[in-house]
Amino acid sequence: MSATGAGLLIIALLFVLLATGMPIAFALGLAAFVALFLQDGFNIFYILGDTMFSGIANLAYVSIPMFVLMGAAVASSPAGSDLYTSLDRWLNRIPGGLVLSNIGSCAIFSGMTGSSPATCAAIGKMGIPEMLRRGYPNSVATGSIAAGGTLGILIPPSVTLIVYGIATETSIGRLFMAGVIPGIMLTAMFMVWAIIDCKRKGYEFAARSVRYTLKERLSAMPRILPFLLIIAGTLYVLYGGIATPSEAAGAGALLTLLVVIIAYRLFRFRAVSGIFASAMRESVMIMMIMAAAELFAFALSSLFITQTIATVIADMEVNRWVLMAIINVFLLVCGMFLPPVAVIVMTAPMLFPIVTQAGFDPYWFAIVLTINMEVGLITPPIGLNLFVINAIAPTVPTRDILWGSLPYVLVMFLAILILCLFPDIATWLPNQMLGVVE
């Protein structure tokens, strides 16, 4: 069988398995196993375990469960509620202020958790019912949370950028720095669209009847400030080269856990064990996906599918921006069916040399890739954030969630275009702080 035929077969099998509702890690692993078994027979059992284990046997991956624990501690406490309440009280007089509060809360909460589903769930549980109560349309209430939650994989610390850094052997600290300005830019673009959308639909004054005193506005700040300081401190030691990502993540997780326990008096064993249980579930899920994605990538390579695709892309005699457009379309399609971690593990090693040979900055490309993955999180059929929103707001029709998310997809496309026109948006800060990479 040709590489093209084998590639179509393994991808078709993967889609069939995903369509049955099988967990993504199992679908990736089973599709890869079937392809390798048809090629090598029972000899596959000699390399199966080693291949999957090698996909996660990297010391740098220790930072992932630590950042997940950091996020679980925040998500399992009232910190998200305090953050949301504080922003709502400061922004309620602005047109569409409640929507802006939700997007701003998602952006800040993303920095605490590094996880899109956790951000969606934590902010959505408070924000969606409140927006619906104040008369905002279903699409506005759910779409803003679904899109805001995607910021979790762009704004550092980001698990997605950690995986990209390890897969391509690039600096994780520099990647985090590259995500700061684009993350702020995309948040601002979301907010601009929210104001336009609320004015267009006549909901800009939905919260103006509610007034808060300065004391009420400042009341929640003391409990939020320690978390913001921990995030700033974690990023500082990473950017300054004081600690490795694993060390910074471990210290950040410990400090966050202590602040949560002390500030919210979570002294009972059940409360603390719940935090660790939540972190363990998400960490195991991520690691399983990464291990299965490594096996899937190995199957593609063994069948010469990866090499064939890379050769076809590399041999295209086209302008480098046309090449980048093709790569973006490829990533968008992958992101519609697979989670960001799986896409990066499978495609980054293949695309990295092509992108760098074409003269593109690898750190700039990481941000473009991440925004593509953000689009996939709110795009059917495997839009993870859409499922999270559907679970926390079951009374809202799925159609309304999709229509509410669509404008933010277009905003993300615009952000990618802006980054293509002005790549310094991603590269300026790391170059200023750490010097230009030769």
Protein backbone atom coordinates (compact mmCIF):
# COMPACT_ATOMS: atom_id res chain seq x y z
CA MET A 1 0.00 0.00 0.00
CA SER A 2 1.27 3.49 -0.85
CA ALA A 3 1.97 6.10 1.81
CA THR A 4 -1.06 8.06 0.62
CA GLY A 5 -3.35 5.04 0.89
CA ALA A 6 -1.99 4.08 4.29
CA GLY A 7 -2.39 7.67 5.50
CA LEU A 8 -6.00 7.85 4.34
CA LEU A 9 -6.73 4.49 5.97
CA ILE A 10 -5.30 5.36 9.39
CA ILE A 11 -6.94 8.79 9.44
CA ALA A 12 -10.30 7.33 8.35
CA LEU A 13 -10.04 4.74 11.13
CA LEU A 14 -9.26 7.49 13.64
CA PHE A 15 -12.35 9.47 12.60
CA VAL A 16 -14.54 6.38 12.84
CA LEU A 17 -13.29 5.67 16.37
CA LEU A 18 -13.80 9.30 17.41
CA ALA A 19 -17.33 9.21 15.97
CA THR A 20 -18.19 6.30 18.29
CA GLY A 21 -17.47 8.51 21.30
CA MET A 22 -14.27 6.71 22.26
CA PRO A 23 -11.89 8.82 24.40
CA ILE A 24 -9.36 10.63 22.23
CA ALA A 25 -6.31 8.94 23.76
CA PHE A 26 -7.77 5.47 23.16
CA ALA A 27 -8.84 6.35 19.61
CA LEU A 28 -5.36 7.62 18.74
CA GLY A 29 -3.69 4.58 20.31
CA LEU A 30 -6.02 2.01 18.74
CA ALA A 31 -5.78 3.54 15.25
CA ALA A 32 -1.99 3.54 15.51
CA PHE A 33 -1.95 -0.03 16.86
CA VAL A 34 -4.09 -1.35 13.99
CA ALA A 35 -1.89 0.37 11.39
CA LEU A 36 1.33 -0.96 12.94
CA PHE A 37 -0.13 -4.45 13.43
CA LEU A 38 -1.11 -4.65 9.75
CA GLN A 39 2.44 -3.65 8.84
CA ASP A 40 4.57 -5.61 11.35
CA GLY A 41 2.21 -8.17 12.87
CA PHE A 42 2.90 -9.33 16.43
CA ASN A 43 6.33 -7.69 16.43
CA ILE A 44 4.53 -4.47 17.35
CA PHE A 45 4.24 -5.71 20.94
CA TYR A 46 8.02 -5.40 21.36
CA ILE A 47 7.96 -1.66 20.75
CA LEU A 48 4.47 -0.65 21.88
CA GLY A 49 5.27 0.10 25.51
CA ASP A 50 8.65 1.72 24.85
CA THR A 51 7.23 4.00 22.18
CA MET A 52 4.38 5.25 24.34
CA PHE A 53 6.61 5.66 27.40
CA SER A 54 9.23 7.60 25.41
CA GLY A 55 6.52 10.09 24.50
CA ILE A 56 6.22 11.25 28.10
CA ALA A 57 9.63 10.28 29.55
CA ASN A 58 10.95 13.82 29.63
CA LEU A 59 11.80 15.64 32.85
CA ALA A 60 10.39 18.89 31.44
CA TYR A 61 6.94 17.28 31.39
CA VAL A 62 6.93 17.41 35.20
CA SER A 63 5.86 21.04 34.80
CA ILE A 64 2.55 19.98 33.25
CA PRO A 65 0.98 18.26 36.30
CA MET A 66 2.38 21.05 38.48
CA PHE A 67 0.68 23.76 36.43
CA VAL A 68 -2.46 21.60 36.32
CA LEU A 69 -2.35 21.33 40.14
CA MET A 70 -1.91 25.11 40.31
CA GLY A 71 -5.02 25.54 38.18
CA ALA A 72 -7.01 22.92 40.07
CA ALA A 73 -6.33 24.69 43.36
CA VAL A 74 -7.70 27.94 41.95
CA ALA A 75 -10.63 26.34 40.12
CA SER A 76 -11.68 24.33 43.17
CA SER A 77 -11.78 27.40 45.42
CA PRO A 78 -13.93 30.56 45.40
CA ALA A 79 -11.02 32.44 43.77
CA GLY A 80 -12.77 32.39 40.40
CA SER A 81 -15.91 33.83 41.98
CA ASP A 82 -13.90 36.60 43.66
CA LEU A 83 -12.16 37.43 40.41
CA TYR A 84 -15.39 37.53 38.46
CA THR A 85 -17.18 39.62 41.12
CA SER A 86 -14.33 42.12 41.30
CA LEU A 87 -14.16 42.68 37.55
CA ASP A 88 -17.94 42.93 37.28
CA ARG A 89 -17.99 45.71 39.88
CA TRP A 90 -15.29 47.68 38.07
CA LEU A 91 -16.65 47.25 34.53
CA ASN A 92 -20.43 47.28 35.04
CA ARG A 93 -20.80 50.91 33.89
CA ILE A 94 -19.15 50.23 30.52
CA PRO A 95 -21.39 49.21 27.57
CA GLY A 96 -21.55 45.43 27.63
CA GLY A 97 -19.62 45.52 30.90
CA LEU A 98 -20.77 42.10 32.08
CA VAL A 99 -19.52 40.46 28.87
CA LEU A 100 -16.21 42.30 29.28
CA SER A 101 -16.05 41.05 32.88
CA ASN A 102 -16.42 37.48 31.66
CA ILE A 103 -13.74 37.82 28.99
CA GLY A 104 -11.39 39.63 31.38
CA SER A 105 -11.99 36.98 34.06
CA CYS A 106 -11.22 34.26 31.50
CA ALA A 107 -7.97 36.00 30.54
CA ILE A 108 -6.75 36.38 34.13
CA PHE A 109 -8.01 32.95 35.18
CA SER A 110 -6.18 31.47 32.18
CA GLY A 111 -2.96 32.79 33.64
CA MET A 112 -3.77 30.99 36.88
CA THR A 113 -4.71 27.65 35.31
CA GLY A 114 -3.20 27.34 31.81
CA SER A 115 -6.24 25.25 30.89
CA SER A 116 -9.10 26.17 28.57
CA PRO A 117 -11.71 23.69 29.92
CA ALA A 118 -10.98 24.73 33.52
CA THR A 119 -11.35 28.40 32.60
CA CYS A 120 -14.62 27.75 30.75
CA ALA A 121 -16.05 25.74 33.62
CA ALA A 122 -14.98 28.08 36.44
CA ILE A 123 -16.04 31.37 34.85
CA GLY A 124 -18.98 29.92 32.92
CA LYS A 125 -20.69 28.54 36.04
CA MET A 126 -20.92 32.09 37.39
CA GLY A 127 -20.97 34.24 34.25
CA ILE A 128 -23.54 32.51 32.06
CA PRO A 129 -26.40 32.39 34.61
CA GLU A 130 -25.72 36.01 35.61
CA MET A 131 -25.75 37.25 32.00
CA LEU A 132 -28.95 35.35 31.25
CA ARG A 133 -30.53 36.76 34.41
CA ARG A 134 -29.71 40.30 33.30
CA GLY A 135 -31.25 39.77 29.88
CA TYR A 136 -28.29 39.07 27.62
CA PRO A 137 -29.04 36.73 24.67
CA ASN A 138 -28.04 33.08 24.90
CA SER A 139 -25.50 33.46 22.11
CA VAL A 140 -23.76 36.43 23.75
CA ALA A 141 -23.63 34.76 27.17
CA THR A 142 -22.26 31.40 26.00
CA GLY A 143 -20.16 32.53 23.04
CA SER A 144 -18.10 34.99 25.08
CA ILE A 145 -17.26 32.33 27.71
CA ALA A 146 -16.45 29.65 25.12
CA ALA A 147 -14.10 32.02 23.29
CA GLY A 148 -12.64 33.54 26.46
CA GLY A 149 -11.79 30.08 27.72
CA THR A 150 -9.55 29.44 24.70
CA LEU A 151 -7.14 32.06 26.06
CA GLY A 152 -6.00 29.39 28.53
CA ILE A 153 -3.69 27.79 25.96
CA LEU A 154 -2.14 31.09 24.82
CA ILE A 155 -1.63 33.25 27.90
CA PRO A 156 1.30 31.87 29.93
CA PRO A 157 1.78 29.62 31.73
CA SER A 158 0.39 27.46 28.93
CA VAL A 159 0.52 23.66 28.82
CA THR A 160 0.28 23.83 25.01
CA LEU A 161 3.39 26.00 24.73
CA ILE A 162 5.25 23.65 27.10
CA VAL A 163 4.45 20.69 24.84
CA TYR A 164 5.51 22.68 21.75
CA GLY A 165 8.78 23.66 23.42
CA ILE A 166 9.62 20.05 24.29
CA ALA A 167 8.53 18.70 20.89
CA THR A 168 10.67 21.23 18.99
CA GLU A 169 13.46 21.65 21.56
CA THR A 170 12.86 25.39 21.86
CA SER A 171 13.00 27.55 25.00
CA ILE A 172 9.82 27.31 27.06
CA GLY A 173 10.60 30.59 28.82
CA ARG A 174 10.94 32.36 25.47
CA LEU A 175 7.70 30.75 24.27
CA PHE A 176 5.87 32.02 27.36
CA MET A 177 7.24 35.48 26.71
CA ALA A 178 6.16 35.31 23.06
CA GLY A 179 2.59 34.60 24.17
CA VAL A 180 2.20 37.63 26.45
CA ILE A 181 1.54 40.44 23.96
CA PRO A 182 -0.51 38.30 21.51
CA GLY A 183 -2.56 37.09 24.51
CA ILE A 184 -3.27 40.67 25.59
CA MET A 185 -4.01 41.64 21.97
CA LEU A 186 -6.48 38.80 21.45
CA THR A 187 -8.20 39.56 24.77
CA ALA A 188 -8.58 43.21 23.71
CA MET A 189 -9.95 42.14 20.31
CA PHE A 190 -12.51 39.89 22.03
CA MET A 191 -13.57 42.80 24.22
CA VAL A 192 -13.89 45.19 21.26
CA TRP A 193 -16.13 42.72 19.46
CA ALA A 194 -18.19 42.20 22.65
CA ILE A 195 -18.86 45.96 22.90
CA ILE A 196 -19.80 46.15 19.21
CA ASP A 197 -22.06 43.10 19.50
CA CYS A 198 -23.83 44.39 22.63
CA LYS A 199 -24.42 47.80 21.08
CA ARG A 200 -25.66 46.22 17.86
CA LYS A 201 -28.16 44.07 19.78
CA GLY A 202 -29.17 46.80 22.21
CA TYR A 203 -27.82 45.20 25.39
CA GLU A 204 -25.14 47.74 26.21
CA PHE A 205 -27.05 49.08 29.23
CA ALA A 206 -28.07 45.71 30.67
CA ALA A 207 -26.12 46.22 33.92
CA ARG A 208 -26.03 50.00 34.32
CA SER A 209 -28.83 50.00 36.88
CA VAL A 210 -26.49 48.26 39.33
CA ARG A 211 -24.17 50.62 41.23
CA TYR A 212 -21.24 49.73 43.49
CA THR A 213 -19.35 51.86 45.98
CA LEU A 214 -15.55 52.06 45.94
CA LYS A 215 -15.46 49.92 49.10
CA GLU A 216 -17.51 47.20 47.39
CA ARG A 217 -15.24 47.33 44.37
CA LEU A 218 -12.11 46.89 46.48
CA SER A 219 -13.53 44.24 48.81
CA ALA A 220 -12.50 41.18 46.77
CA MET A 221 -9.07 42.49 45.73
CA PRO A 222 -7.08 41.33 48.82
CA ARG A 223 -7.92 37.68 48.11
CA ILE A 224 -7.15 37.93 44.38
CA LEU A 225 -3.85 39.80 44.73
CA PRO A 226 -1.82 36.83 46.12
CA PHE A 227 -2.71 34.71 43.08
CA LEU A 228 -1.70 37.47 40.67
CA LEU A 229 1.60 37.86 42.55
CA ILE A 230 2.24 34.11 42.34
CA ILE A 231 1.64 34.16 38.56
CA ALA A 232 3.93 37.18 38.16
CA GLY A 233 6.59 35.54 40.32
CA THR A 234 6.39 32.25 38.41
CA LEU A 235 6.81 34.00 35.08
CA TYR A 236 9.62 36.19 36.46
CA VAL A 237 11.78 33.25 37.56
CA LEU A 238 11.16 31.59 34.19
CA TYR A 239 11.96 34.68 32.13
CA GLY A 240 14.94 35.57 34.29
CA GLY A 241 16.49 32.12 33.95
CA ILE A 242 16.36 31.68 37.73
CA ALA A 243 14.56 28.34 37.58
CA THR A 244 13.59 25.68 35.07
CA PRO A 245 9.91 25.34 34.05
CA SER A 246 9.55 22.28 36.30
CA GLU A 247 11.02 24.08 39.30
CA ALA A 248 8.94 27.21 38.72
CA ALA A 249 5.77 25.14 38.25
CA GLY A 250 6.42 23.16 41.43
CA ALA A 251 6.99 26.27 43.51
CA GLY A 252 3.96 28.00 41.96
CA ALA A 253 1.72 24.99 42.64
CA LEU A 254 2.84 24.80 46.29
CA LEU A 255 2.34 28.52 46.93
CA THR A 256 -1.05 28.52 45.19
CA LEU A 257 -2.20 25.53 47.21
CA LEU A 258 -1.12 27.19 50.47
CA VAL A 259 -2.85 30.48 49.57
CA VAL A 260 -6.07 28.67 48.67
CA ILE A 261 -6.06 26.65 51.89
CA ILE A 262 -5.30 29.66 54.11
CA ALA A 263 -7.37 32.35 52.34
CA TYR A 264 -10.48 30.20 51.96
CA ARG A 265 -9.97 28.05 55.07
CA LEU A 266 -9.98 24.75 53.22
CA PHE A 267 -8.54 22.84 56.15
CA ARG A 268 -10.63 19.71 55.72
CA PHE A 269 -9.02 16.65 54.14
CA ARG A 270 -11.89 16.18 51.68
CA ALA A 271 -11.46 19.67 50.20
CA VAL A 272 -7.70 19.29 49.70
CA SER A 273 -7.98 15.72 48.40
CA GLY A 274 -10.58 16.94 45.89
CA ILE A 275 -8.03 19.41 44.51
CA PHE A 276 -5.43 16.68 44.07
CA ALA A 277 -7.99 14.30 42.56
CA SER A 278 -9.05 16.91 39.99
CA ALA A 279 -5.41 17.65 39.12
CA MET A 280 -4.61 13.96 38.81
CA ARG A 281 -7.53 13.28 36.46
CA GLU A 282 -6.59 16.10 34.10
CA SER A 283 -2.86 15.31 34.25
CA VAL A 284 -3.42 11.63 33.48
CA MET A 285 -5.74 12.59 30.62
CA ILE A 286 -3.10 14.90 29.12
CA MET A 287 -0.29 12.36 29.56
CA MET A 288 -2.42 9.57 28.04
CA ILE A 289 -3.16 11.75 25.02
CA MET A 290 0.54 12.60 24.66
CA ALA A 291 1.61 8.95 24.92
CA ALA A 292 -1.03 7.85 22.41
CA ALA A 293 -0.17 10.75 20.10
CA GLU A 294 3.49 9.65 20.21
CA LEU A 295 2.44 6.15 19.12
CA PHE A 296 0.24 7.63 16.38
CA ALA A 297 3.13 9.82 15.19
CA PHE A 298 5.40 6.76 15.21
CA ALA A 299 2.87 4.86 13.08
CA LEU A 300 2.68 7.72 10.59
CA SER A 301 6.48 7.83 10.41
CA SER A 302 6.83 4.04 10.07
CA LEU A 303 4.39 4.06 7.16
CA PHE A 304 6.36 6.98 5.61
CA ILE A 305 3.24 9.13 5.77
CA THR A 306 4.93 11.93 7.72
CA GLN A 307 7.91 11.99 5.39
CA THR A 308 5.66 12.03 2.33
CA ILE A 309 3.59 14.95 3.63
CA ALA A 310 6.73 16.84 4.63
CA THR A 311 8.30 16.25 1.22
CA VAL A 312 5.17 17.38 -0.61
CA ILE A 313 4.97 20.58 1.47
CA ALA A 314 8.70 21.26 1.22
CA ASP A 315 8.76 20.70 -2.57
CA MET A 316 5.98 23.17 -3.23
CA GLU A 317 7.43 25.91 -5.38
CA VAL A 318 5.25 28.62 -3.91
CA ASN A 319 5.71 31.85 -2.02
CA ARG A 320 6.50 31.23 1.65
CA TRP A 321 3.30 32.98 2.71
CA VAL A 322 1.28 30.67 0.49
CA LEU A 323 3.11 27.82 2.22
CA MET A 324 2.17 29.28 5.61
CA ALA A 325 -1.47 29.58 4.49
CA ILE A 326 -1.47 25.88 3.54
CA ILE A 327 0.05 24.96 6.91
CA ASN A 328 -2.60 27.05 8.70
CA VAL A 329 -5.41 25.27 6.87
CA PHE A 330 -3.83 21.93 7.76
CA LEU A 331 -3.60 22.92 11.44
CA LEU A 332 -7.18 24.20 11.49
CA VAL A 333 -8.49 20.90 10.14
CA CYS A 334 -6.42 18.94 12.67
CA GLY A 335 -7.64 21.20 15.49
CA MET A 336 -11.26 20.50 14.59
CA PHE A 337 -10.84 16.82 15.38
CA LEU A 338 -8.02 16.53 17.93
CA PRO A 339 -7.06 18.33 21.15
CA PRO A 340 -4.17 20.84 20.98
CA VAL A 341 -1.70 18.59 22.82
CA ALA A 342 -2.21 15.71 20.36
CA VAL A 343 -1.93 17.98 17.31
CA ILE A 344 1.31 19.53 18.54
CA VAL A 345 2.95 16.22 19.46
CA MET A 346 2.12 14.80 16.02
CA THR A 347 2.71 17.79 13.76
CA ALA A 348 5.28 20.08 15.40
CA PRO A 349 8.33 17.86 14.71
CA MET A 350 7.23 17.56 11.07
CA LEU A 351 6.38 21.23 10.48
CA PHE A 352 9.21 22.78 12.52
CA PRO A 353 12.01 22.22 9.96
CA ILE A 354 9.75 23.28 7.09
CA VAL A 355 8.78 26.50 8.84
CA THR A 356 12.34 27.41 9.87
CA GLN A 357 13.75 26.63 6.40
CA ALA A 358 11.13 28.95 4.93
CA GLY A 359 12.54 31.74 7.10
CA PHE A 360 9.80 31.96 9.74
CA ASP A 361 10.60 32.52 13.40
CA PRO A 362 9.80 29.30 15.37
CA TYR A 363 8.50 31.27 18.37
CA TRP A 364 6.22 33.36 16.18
CA PHE A 365 4.99 30.14 14.56
CA ALA A 366 4.24 28.68 17.99
CA ILE A 367 1.82 31.54 18.68
CA VAL A 368 0.15 31.21 15.26
CA LEU A 369 -0.19 27.46 15.81
CA THR A 370 -1.67 28.04 19.27
CA ILE A 371 -4.32 30.44 17.96
CA ASN A 372 -5.21 27.81 15.37
CA MET A 373 -5.67 25.36 18.22
CA GLU A 374 -7.87 27.93 19.98
CA VAL A 375 -10.14 27.96 16.94
CA GLY A 376 -10.39 24.17 17.14
CA LEU A 377 -11.56 24.39 20.76
CA ILE A 378 -14.77 26.19 19.71
CA THR A 379 -15.27 24.53 16.32
CA PRO A 380 -17.31 21.34 15.72
CA PRO A 381 -17.13 18.39 15.75
CA ILE A 382 -14.65 18.05 18.66
CA GLY A 383 -14.81 21.57 20.08
CA LEU A 384 -13.96 20.81 23.70
CA ASN A 385 -15.05 24.20 25.04
CA LEU A 386 -18.44 23.79 23.33
CA PHE A 387 -19.02 20.57 25.26
CA VAL A 388 -18.01 22.26 28.52
CA ILE A 389 -20.43 25.14 27.91
CA ASN A 390 -23.16 22.69 26.94
CA ALA A 391 -22.62 20.82 30.21
CA ILE A 392 -22.80 23.90 32.45
CA ALA A 393 -25.67 25.54 30.52
CA PRO A 394 -27.86 22.61 29.36
CA THR A 395 -30.90 24.86 28.82
CA VAL A 396 -29.10 26.84 26.09
CA PRO A 397 -29.52 25.23 22.63
CA THR A 398 -26.28 24.08 21.02
CA ARG A 399 -27.17 26.20 18.00
CA ASP A 400 -27.01 29.36 20.11
CA ILE A 401 -23.61 28.38 21.52
CA LEU A 402 -22.26 27.83 18.00
CA TRP A 403 -23.63 31.13 16.66
CA GLY A 404 -22.29 32.98 19.68
CA SER A 405 -18.81 31.47 19.19
CA LEU A 406 -18.59 32.04 15.41
CA PRO A 407 -17.74 35.79 15.53
CA TYR A 408 -14.86 35.04 17.91
CA VAL A 409 -13.52 32.48 15.42
CA LEU A 410 -13.40 35.28 12.84
CA VAL A 411 -11.65 37.51 15.40
CA MET A 412 -9.00 34.79 15.85
CA PHE A 413 -8.51 34.61 12.07
CA LEU A 414 -8.00 38.37 12.11
CA ALA A 415 -5.46 37.97 14.93
CA ILE A 416 -3.51 35.42 12.85
CA LEU A 417 -3.53 37.85 9.90
CA ILE A 418 -2.27 40.67 12.14
CA LEU A 419 0.53 38.43 13.44
CA CYS A 420 1.49 37.59 9.86
CA LEU A 421 1.64 41.28 8.95
CA PHE A 422 3.38 42.29 12.19
CA PRO A 423 5.37 39.28 13.51
CA ASP A 424 7.17 41.52 16.01
CA ILE A 425 4.02 41.39 18.14
CA ALA A 426 5.14 37.89 19.17
CA THR A 427 8.91 38.22 18.88
CA TRP A 428 9.60 41.72 20.26
CA LEU A 429 9.28 40.93 23.98
CA PRO A 430 11.43 37.74 24.02
CA ASN A 431 14.04 39.43 21.82
CA GLN A 432 14.17 42.44 24.13
CA MET A 433 14.34 40.37 27.30
CA LEU A 434 16.50 37.45 26.20
CA GLY A 435 18.22 38.69 23.07
CA VAL A 436 17.74 37.75 19.44
CA VAL A 437 18.13 34.04 18.59
CA GLU A 438 20.85 33.52 16.01
